[in-house]
Amino acid sequence: MVTSTRRSLFAEILLVLLLTILGFAVIGYHPGLEDDGVYLTAIKADLNPSLYPHDRNFFQLQLQATLFDGAMARAINLTGISVAW
């Protein structure tokens, strides 16, 4: 009986994990598509604030609840990869 319960728990955890991954794939950030205009602009502004001296609030307002742009800017600084990559 213990083995059956563990299998059931494992199956439920696996199902939730797969649904979570599917959710990120469907709803998450899509590089090069509709989100790119906001996210890429915010990342570039984090890397070099002088690029957007005016109207920076437009994209900052949309990204205030996420850590994505700051995390990507830090990753670019740490690794030295190009923003386009």
PDB file of N, CA and C in Angstrom:
ATOM      1  N   MET A   1       0.796  -1.188   0.000  1.00  0.00           N
ATOM      2  CA  MET A   1       0.000   0.000   0.000  1.00  0.00           C
ATOM      3  C   MET A   1       0.848   1.266   0.000  1.00  0.00           C
ATOM      4  N   VAL A   2       1.976   1.234   0.683  1.00  0.00           N
ATOM      5  CA  VAL A   2       2.854   2.392   0.731  1.00  0.00           C
ATOM      6  C   VAL A   2       3.401   2.692  -0.657  1.00  0.00           C
ATOM      7  N   THR A   3       3.752   1.659  -1.407  1.00  0.00           N
ATOM      8  CA  THR A   3       4.282   1.840  -2.749  1.00  0.00           C
ATOM      9  C   THR A   3       3.233   2.467  -3.659  1.00  0.00           C
ATOM     10  N   SER A   4       2.003   2.049  -3.538  1.00  0.00           N
ATOM     11  CA  SER A   4       0.919   2.608  -4.348  1.00  0.00           C
ATOM     12  C   SER A   4       0.710   4.088  -4.045  1.00  0.00           C
ATOM     13  N   THR A   5       0.797   4.441  -2.775  1.00  0.00           N
ATOM     14  CA  THR A   5       0.632   5.839  -2.385  1.00  0.00           C
ATOM     15  C   THR A   5       1.782   6.683  -2.906  1.00  0.00           C
ATOM     16  N   ARG A   6       2.993   6.157  -2.838  1.00  0.00           N
ATOM     17  CA  ARG A   6       4.154   6.891  -3.351  1.00  0.00           C
ATOM     18  C   ARG A   6       4.072   7.077  -4.855  1.00  0.00           C
ATOM     19  N   ARG A   7       3.625   6.048  -5.565  1.00  0.00           N
ATOM     20  CA  ARG A   7       3.472   6.162  -7.016  1.00  0.00           C
ATOM     21  C   ARG A   7       2.434   7.213  -7.366  1.00  0.00           C
ATOM     22  N   SER A   8       1.347   7.213  -6.623  1.00  0.00           N
ATOM     23  CA  SER A   8       0.297   8.191  -6.865  1.00  0.00           C
ATOM     24  C   SER A   8       0.805   9.609  -6.606  1.00  0.00           C
ATOM     25  N   LEU A   9       1.535   9.797  -5.523  1.00  0.00           N
ATOM     26  CA  LEU A   9       2.094  11.104  -5.210  1.00  0.00           C
ATOM     27  C   LEU A   9       3.102  11.527  -6.275  1.00  0.00           C
ATOM     28  N   PHE A  10       3.952  10.598  -6.698  1.00  0.00           N
ATOM     29  CA  PHE A  10       4.932  10.884  -7.742  1.00  0.00           C
ATOM     30  C   PHE A  10       4.223  11.262  -9.044  1.00  0.00           C
ATOM     31  N   ALA A  11       3.156  10.545  -9.387  1.00  0.00           N
ATOM     32  CA  ALA A  11       2.412  10.843 -10.612  1.00  0.00           C
ATOM     33  C   ALA A  11       1.775  12.224 -10.535  1.00  0.00           C
ATOM     34  N   GLU A  12       1.240  12.591  -9.379  1.00  0.00           N
ATOM     35  CA  GLU A  12       0.626  13.906  -9.217  1.00  0.00           C
ATOM     36  C   GLU A  12       1.669  15.017  -9.311  1.00  0.00           C
ATOM     37  N   ILE A  13       2.817  14.827  -8.683  1.00  0.00           N
ATOM     38  CA  ILE A  13       3.889  15.820  -8.745  1.00  0.00           C
ATOM     39  C   ILE A  13       4.394  15.960 -10.179  1.00  0.00           C
ATOM     40  N   LEU A  14       4.558  14.859 -10.862  1.00  0.00           N
ATOM     41  CA  LEU A  14       5.004  14.887 -12.254  1.00  0.00           C
ATOM     42  C   LEU A  14       3.989  15.605 -13.140  1.00  0.00           C
ATOM     43  N   LEU A  15       2.707  15.352 -12.919  1.00  0.00           N
ATOM     44  CA  LEU A  15       1.667  16.026 -13.697  1.00  0.00           C
ATOM     45  C   LEU A  15       1.693  17.538 -13.468  1.00  0.00           C
ATOM     46  N   VAL A  16       1.824  17.961 -12.220  1.00  0.00           N
ATOM     47  CA  VAL A  16       1.883  19.395 -11.917  1.00  0.00           C
ATOM     48  C   VAL A  16       3.122  20.022 -12.551  1.00  0.00           C
ATOM     49  N   LEU A  17       4.256  19.332 -12.489  1.00  0.00           N
ATOM     50  CA  LEU A  17       5.479  19.836 -13.092  1.00  0.00           C
ATOM     51  C   LEU A  17       5.327  19.985 -14.605  1.00  0.00           C
ATOM     52  N   LEU A  18       4.759  19.001 -15.245  1.00  0.00           N
ATOM     53  CA  LEU A  18       4.558  19.068 -16.696  1.00  0.00           C
ATOM     54  C   LEU A  18       3.586  20.180 -17.084  1.00  0.00           C
ATOM     55  N   LEU A  19       2.523  20.343 -16.312  1.00  0.00           N
ATOM     56  CA  LEU A  19       1.576  21.419 -16.589  1.00  0.00           C
ATOM     57  C   LEU A  19       2.211  22.793 -16.369  1.00  0.00           C
ATOM     58  N   THR A  20       3.084  22.897 -15.389  1.00  0.00           N
ATOM     59  CA  THR A  20       3.791  24.155 -15.147  1.00  0.00           C
ATOM     60  C   THR A  20       4.699  24.495 -16.315  1.00  0.00           C
ATOM     61  N   ILE A  21       5.451  23.527 -16.785  1.00  0.00           N
ATOM     62  CA  ILE A  21       6.330  23.738 -17.939  1.00  0.00           C
ATOM     63  C   ILE A  21       5.512  24.109 -19.179  1.00  0.00           C
ATOM     64  N   LEU A  22       4.404  23.429 -19.372  1.00  0.00           N
ATOM     65  CA  LEU A  22       3.524  23.748 -20.499  1.00  0.00           C
ATOM     66  C   LEU A  22       2.975  25.170 -20.381  1.00  0.00           C
ATOM     67  N   GLY A  23       2.623  25.577 -19.175  1.00  0.00           N
ATOM     68  CA  GLY A  23       2.131  26.930 -18.946  1.00  0.00           C
ATOM     69  C   GLY A  23       3.167  27.984 -19.304  1.00  0.00           C
ATOM     70  N   PHE A  24       4.423  27.757 -18.901  1.00  0.00           N
ATOM     71  CA  PHE A  24       5.484  28.697 -19.259  1.00  0.00           C
ATOM     72  C   PHE A  24       5.700  28.726 -20.771  1.00  0.00           C
ATOM     73  N   ALA A  25       5.603  27.580 -21.404  1.00  0.00           N
ATOM     74  CA  ALA A  25       5.807  27.526 -22.852  1.00  0.00           C
ATOM     75  C   ALA A  25       4.703  28.270 -23.598  1.00  0.00           C
ATOM     76  N   VAL A  26       3.487  28.185 -23.104  1.00  0.00           N
ATOM     77  CA  VAL A  26       2.358  28.796 -23.796  1.00  0.00           C
ATOM     78  C   VAL A  26       2.223  30.278 -23.454  1.00  0.00           C
ATOM     79  N   ILE A  27       2.376  30.626 -22.191  1.00  0.00           N
ATOM     80  CA  ILE A  27       2.093  31.988 -21.750  1.00  0.00           C
ATOM     81  C   ILE A  27       3.352  32.814 -21.541  1.00  0.00           C
ATOM     82  N   GLY A  28       4.473  32.191 -21.336  1.00  0.00           N
ATOM     83  CA  GLY A  28       5.693  32.887 -20.957  1.00  0.00           C
ATOM     84  C   GLY A  28       6.278  33.797 -22.015  1.00  0.00           C
ATOM     85  N   TYR A  29       7.459  34.254 -21.755  1.00  0.00           N
ATOM     86  CA  TYR A  29       8.171  35.173 -22.645  1.00  0.00           C
ATOM     87  C   TYR A  29       8.536  34.475 -23.941  1.00  0.00           C
ATOM     88  N   HIS A  30       8.251  35.122 -25.045  1.00  0.00           N
ATOM     89  CA  HIS A  30       8.542  34.578 -26.366  1.00  0.00           C
ATOM     90  C   HIS A  30       9.556  35.473 -27.053  1.00  0.00           C
ATOM     91  N   PRO A  31      10.836  35.125 -27.017  1.00  0.00           N
ATOM     92  CA  PRO A  31      11.865  35.979 -27.624  1.00  0.00           C
ATOM     93  C   PRO A  31      11.606  36.209 -29.109  1.00  0.00           C
ATOM     94  N   GLY A  32      11.718  37.459 -29.517  1.00  0.00           N
ATOM     95  CA  GLY A  32      11.552  37.791 -30.921  1.00  0.00           C
ATOM     96  C   GLY A  32      10.114  37.969 -31.357  1.00  0.00           C
ATOM     97  N   LEU A  33       9.183  37.810 -30.441  1.00  0.00           N
ATOM     98  CA  LEU A  33       7.774  37.944 -30.809  1.00  0.00           C
ATOM     99  C   LEU A  33       7.163  39.154 -30.120  1.00  0.00           C
ATOM    100  N   GLU A  34       5.915  39.050 -29.717  1.00  0.00           N
ATOM    101  CA  GLU A  34       5.175  40.211 -29.221  1.00  0.00           C
ATOM    102  C   GLU A  34       5.787  40.859 -27.984  1.00  0.00           C
ATOM    103  N   ASP A  35       6.432  40.112 -27.120  1.00  0.00           N
ATOM    104  CA  ASP A  35       7.005  40.662 -25.895  1.00  0.00           C
ATOM    105  C   ASP A  35       8.320  41.394 -26.132  1.00  0.00           C
ATOM    106  N   ASP A  36       8.926  41.155 -27.235  1.00  0.00           N
ATOM    107  CA  ASP A  36      10.281  41.651 -27.485  1.00  0.00           C
ATOM    108  C   ASP A  36      10.376  43.170 -27.435  1.00  0.00           C
ATOM    109  N   GLY A  37       9.361  43.859 -27.882  1.00  0.00           N
ATOM    110  CA  GLY A  37       9.404  45.314 -27.891  1.00  0.00           C
ATOM    111  C   GLY A  37       9.530  45.909 -26.497  1.00  0.00           C
ATOM    112  N   VAL A  38       8.959  45.246 -25.526  1.00  0.00           N
ATOM    113  CA  VAL A  38       9.007  45.748 -24.153  1.00  0.00           C
ATOM    114  C   VAL A  38      10.208  45.182 -23.406  1.00  0.00           C
ATOM    115  N   TYR A  39      10.370  43.871 -23.434  1.00  0.00           N
ATOM    116  CA  TYR A  39      11.446  43.245 -22.665  1.00  0.00           C
ATOM    117  C   TYR A  39      12.831  43.647 -23.174  1.00  0.00           C
ATOM    118  N   LEU A  40      13.016  43.600 -24.473  1.00  0.00           N
ATOM    119  CA  LEU A  40      14.321  43.933 -25.037  1.00  0.00           C
ATOM    120  C   LEU A  40      14.675  45.393 -24.775  1.00  0.00           C
ATOM    121  N   THR A  41      13.694  46.263 -24.879  1.00  0.00           N
ATOM    122  CA  THR A  41      13.919  47.677 -24.588  1.00  0.00           C
ATOM    123  C   THR A  41      14.321  47.871 -23.129  1.00  0.00           C
ATOM    124  N   ALA A  42      13.644  47.177 -22.223  1.00  0.00           N
ATOM    125  CA  ALA A  42      13.960  47.294 -20.797  1.00  0.00           C
ATOM    126  C   ALA A  42      15.349  46.755 -20.486  1.00  0.00           C
ATOM    127  N   ILE A  43      15.723  45.651 -21.121  1.00  0.00           N
ATOM    128  CA  ILE A  43      17.062  45.084 -20.908  1.00  0.00           C
ATOM    129  C   ILE A  43      18.125  46.058 -21.400  1.00  0.00           C
ATOM    130  N   LYS A  44      17.922  46.615 -22.585  1.00  0.00           N
ATOM    131  CA  LYS A  44      18.882  47.587 -23.119  1.00  0.00           C
ATOM    132  C   LYS A  44      18.960  48.822 -22.236  1.00  0.00           C
ATOM    133  N   ALA A  45      17.832  49.253 -21.686  1.00  0.00           N
ATOM    134  CA  ALA A  45      17.824  50.425 -20.801  1.00  0.00           C
ATOM    135  C   ALA A  45      18.544  50.120 -19.494  1.00  0.00           C
ATOM    136  N   ASP A  46      18.424  48.888 -18.997  1.00  0.00           N
ATOM    137  CA  ASP A  46      19.156  48.508 -17.786  1.00  0.00           C
ATOM    138  C   ASP A  46      20.662  48.494 -18.044  1.00  0.00           C
ATOM    139  N   LEU A  47      21.045  48.059 -19.233  1.00  0.00           N
ATOM    140  CA  LEU A  47      22.464  47.995 -19.574  1.00  0.00           C
ATOM    141  C   LEU A  47      23.052  49.375 -19.840  1.00  0.00           C
ATOM    142  N   ASN A  48      22.272  50.256 -20.485  1.00  0.00           N
ATOM    143  CA  ASN A  48      22.753  51.591 -20.829  1.00  0.00           C
ATOM    144  C   ASN A  48      21.593  52.587 -20.729  1.00  0.00           C
ATOM    145  N   PRO A  49      21.390  53.187 -19.546  1.00  0.00           N
ATOM    146  CA  PRO A  49      20.252  54.097 -19.349  1.00  0.00           C
ATOM    147  C   PRO A  49      20.237  55.303 -20.283  1.00  0.00           C
ATOM    148  N   SER A  50      21.367  55.684 -20.843  1.00  0.00           N
ATOM    149  CA  SER A  50      21.388  56.851 -21.736  1.00  0.00           C
ATOM    150  C   SER A  50      20.729  56.563 -23.087  1.00  0.00           C
ATOM    151  N   LEU A  51      20.449  55.305 -23.386  1.00  0.00           N
ATOM    152  CA  LEU A  51      19.773  54.986 -24.647  1.00  0.00           C
ATOM    153  C   LEU A  51      18.347  55.517 -24.691  1.00  0.00           C
ATOM    154  N   TYR A  52      17.707  55.569 -23.541  1.00  0.00           N
ATOM    155  CA  TYR A  52      16.308  55.985 -23.474  1.00  0.00           C
ATOM    156  C   TYR A  52      16.156  57.094 -22.431  1.00  0.00           C
ATOM    157  N   PRO A  53      16.566  58.320 -22.782  1.00  0.00           N
ATOM    158  CA  PRO A  53      16.493  59.404 -21.800  1.00  0.00           C
ATOM    159  C   PRO A  53      15.059  59.898 -21.561  1.00  0.00           C
ATOM    160  N   HIS A  54      14.150  59.637 -22.492  1.00  0.00           N
ATOM    161  CA  HIS A  54      12.764  60.107 -22.380  1.00  0.00           C
ATOM    162  C   HIS A  54      11.816  58.921 -22.444  1.00  0.00           C
ATOM    163  N   ASP A  55      10.697  59.059 -21.815  1.00  0.00           N
ATOM    164  CA  ASP A  55       9.610  58.068 -21.884  1.00  0.00           C
ATOM    165  C   ASP A  55      10.012  56.667 -21.434  1.00  0.00           C
ATOM    166  N   ARG A  56      10.965  56.571 -20.557  1.00  0.00           N
ATOM    167  CA  ARG A  56      11.377  55.275 -20.032  1.00  0.00           C
ATOM    168  C   ARG A  56      10.271  54.643 -19.190  1.00  0.00           C
ATOM    169  N   ASN A  57       9.398  55.476 -18.661  1.00  0.00           N
ATOM    170  CA  ASN A  57       8.303  54.967 -17.825  1.00  0.00           C
ATOM    171  C   ASN A  57       7.351  54.069 -18.600  1.00  0.00           C
ATOM    172  N   PHE A  58       7.302  54.219 -19.923  1.00  0.00           N
ATOM    173  CA  PHE A  58       6.392  53.406 -20.731  1.00  0.00           C
ATOM    174  C   PHE A  58       6.647  51.920 -20.542  1.00  0.00           C
ATOM    175  N   PHE A  59       7.886  51.482 -20.646  1.00  0.00           N
ATOM    176  CA  PHE A  59       8.155  50.055 -20.502  1.00  0.00           C
ATOM    177  C   PHE A  59       8.466  49.666 -19.067  1.00  0.00           C
ATOM    178  N   GLN A  60       8.939  50.602 -18.257  1.00  0.00           N
ATOM    179  CA  GLN A  60       9.199  50.278 -16.856  1.00  0.00           C
ATOM    180  C   GLN A  60       7.899  49.994 -16.113  1.00  0.00           C
ATOM    181  N   LEU A  61       6.846  50.692 -16.454  1.00  0.00           N
ATOM    182  CA  LEU A  61       5.555  50.474 -15.823  1.00  0.00           C
ATOM    183  C   LEU A  61       5.046  49.065 -16.108  1.00  0.00           C
ATOM    184  N   GLN A  62       5.240  48.597 -17.316  1.00  0.00           N
ATOM    185  CA  GLN A  62       4.762  47.268 -17.700  1.00  0.00           C
ATOM    186  C   GLN A  62       5.573  46.151 -17.049  1.00  0.00           C
ATOM    187  N   LEU A  63       6.820  46.434 -16.687  1.00  0.00           N
ATOM    188  CA  LEU A  63       7.695  45.398 -16.144  1.00  0.00           C
ATOM    189  C   LEU A  63       7.975  45.548 -14.652  1.00  0.00           C
ATOM    190  N   GLN A  64       7.227  46.379 -13.968  1.00  0.00           N
ATOM    191  CA  GLN A  64       7.519  46.620 -12.560  1.00  0.00           C
ATOM    192  C   GLN A  64       7.280  45.384 -11.695  1.00  0.00           C
ATOM    193  N   ALA A  65       6.457  44.449 -12.132  1.00  0.00           N
ATOM    194  CA  ALA A  65       6.159  43.262 -11.326  1.00  0.00           C
ATOM    195  C   ALA A  65       7.039  42.070 -11.689  1.00  0.00           C
ATOM    196  N   THR A  66       7.996  42.247 -12.574  1.00  0.00           N
ATOM    197  CA  THR A  66       8.844  41.133 -12.994  1.00  0.00           C
ATOM    198  C   THR A  66      10.313  41.449 -12.751  1.00  0.00           C
ATOM    199  N   LEU A  67      11.091  40.414 -12.609  1.00  0.00           N
ATOM    200  CA  LEU A  67      12.536  40.550 -12.421  1.00  0.00           C
ATOM    201  C   LEU A  67      13.305  40.181 -13.685  1.00  0.00           C
ATOM    202  N   PHE A  68      12.576  39.886 -14.755  1.00  0.00           N
ATOM    203  CA  PHE A  68      13.196  39.344 -15.961  1.00  0.00           C
ATOM    204  C   PHE A  68      14.225  40.286 -16.570  1.00  0.00           C
ATOM    205  N   ASP A  69      13.872  41.539 -16.771  1.00  0.00           N
ATOM    206  CA  ASP A  69      14.790  42.455 -17.451  1.00  0.00           C
ATOM    207  C   ASP A  69      16.067  42.678 -16.652  1.00  0.00           C
ATOM    208  N   GLY A  70      15.939  42.844 -15.353  1.00  0.00           N
ATOM    209  CA  GLY A  70      17.124  43.036 -14.513  1.00  0.00           C
ATOM    210  C   GLY A  70      18.004  41.797 -14.472  1.00  0.00           C
ATOM    211  N   ALA A  71      17.376  40.626 -14.402  1.00  0.00           N
ATOM    212  CA  ALA A  71      18.134  39.375 -14.376  1.00  0.00           C
ATOM    213  C   ALA A  71      18.878  39.162 -15.691  1.00  0.00           C
ATOM    214  N   MET A  72      18.211  39.462 -16.800  1.00  0.00           N
ATOM    215  CA  MET A  72      18.864  39.298 -18.102  1.00  0.00           C
ATOM    216  C   MET A  72      20.009  40.291 -18.270  1.00  0.00           C
ATOM    217  N   ALA A  73      19.818  41.523 -17.809  1.00  0.00           N
ATOM    218  CA  ALA A  73      20.890  42.521 -17.907  1.00  0.00           C
ATOM    219  C   ALA A  73      22.097  42.087 -17.073  1.00  0.00           C
ATOM    220  N   ARG A  74      21.863  41.555 -15.874  1.00  0.00           N
ATOM    221  CA  ARG A  74      22.970  41.065 -15.044  1.00  0.00           C
ATOM    222  C   ARG A  74      23.660  39.872 -15.705  1.00  0.00           C
ATOM    223  N   ALA A  75      22.870  38.982 -16.311  1.00  0.00           N
ATOM    224  CA  ALA A  75      23.458  37.821 -16.988  1.00  0.00           C
ATOM    225  C   ALA A  75      24.316  38.261 -18.168  1.00  0.00           C
ATOM    226  N   ILE A  76      23.864  39.263 -18.898  1.00  0.00           N
ATOM    227  CA  ILE A  76      24.639  39.777 -20.033  1.00  0.00           C
ATOM    228  C   ILE A  76      25.938  40.403 -19.540  1.00  0.00           C
ATOM    229  N   ASN A  77      25.863  41.166 -18.453  1.00  0.00           N
ATOM    230  CA  ASN A  77      27.077  41.768 -17.893  1.00  0.00           C
ATOM    231  C   ASN A  77      28.057  40.719 -17.393  1.00  0.00           C
ATOM    232  N   LEU A  78      27.542  39.676 -16.746  1.00  0.00           N
ATOM    233  CA  LEU A  78      28.417  38.642 -16.188  1.00  0.00           C
ATOM    234  C   LEU A  78      29.056  37.764 -17.254  1.00  0.00           C
ATOM    235  N   THR A  79      28.292  37.416 -18.265  1.00  0.00           N
ATOM    236  CA  THR A  79      28.788  36.485 -19.278  1.00  0.00           C
ATOM    237  C   THR A  79      29.465  37.167 -20.443  1.00  0.00           C
ATOM    238  N   GLY A  80      29.104  38.427 -20.698  1.00  0.00           N
ATOM    239  CA  GLY A  80      29.690  39.128 -21.833  1.00  0.00           C
ATOM    240  C   GLY A  80      29.053  38.776 -23.171  1.00  0.00           C
ATOM    241  N   ILE A  81      27.945  38.041 -23.151  1.00  0.00           N
ATOM    242  CA  ILE A  81      27.285  37.714 -24.415  1.00  0.00           C
ATOM    243  C   ILE A  81      26.608  38.958 -24.972  1.00  0.00           C
ATOM    244  N   SER A  82      26.297  38.935 -26.244  1.00  0.00           N
ATOM    245  CA  SER A  82      25.653  40.106 -26.854  1.00  0.00           C
ATOM    246  C   SER A  82      24.164  40.094 -26.539  1.00  0.00           C
ATOM    247  N   VAL A  83      23.552  41.254 -26.590  1.00  0.00           N
ATOM    248  CA  VAL A  83      22.126  41.364 -26.314  1.00  0.00           C
ATOM    249  C   VAL A  83      21.329  40.615 -27.373  1.00  0.00           C
ATOM    250  N   ALA A  84      21.774  40.638 -28.601  1.00  0.00           N
ATOM    251  CA  ALA A  84      21.070  39.954 -29.685  1.00  0.00           C
ATOM    252  C   ALA A  84      21.027  38.449 -29.475  1.00  0.00           C
ATOM    253  N   TRP A  85      22.064  37.904 -28.888  1.00  0.00           N
ATOM    254  CA  TRP A  85      22.071  36.458 -28.665  1.00  0.00           C
ATOM    255  C   TRP A  85      21.087  36.100 -27.599  1.00  0.00           C
TER     256      TRP A  85
END
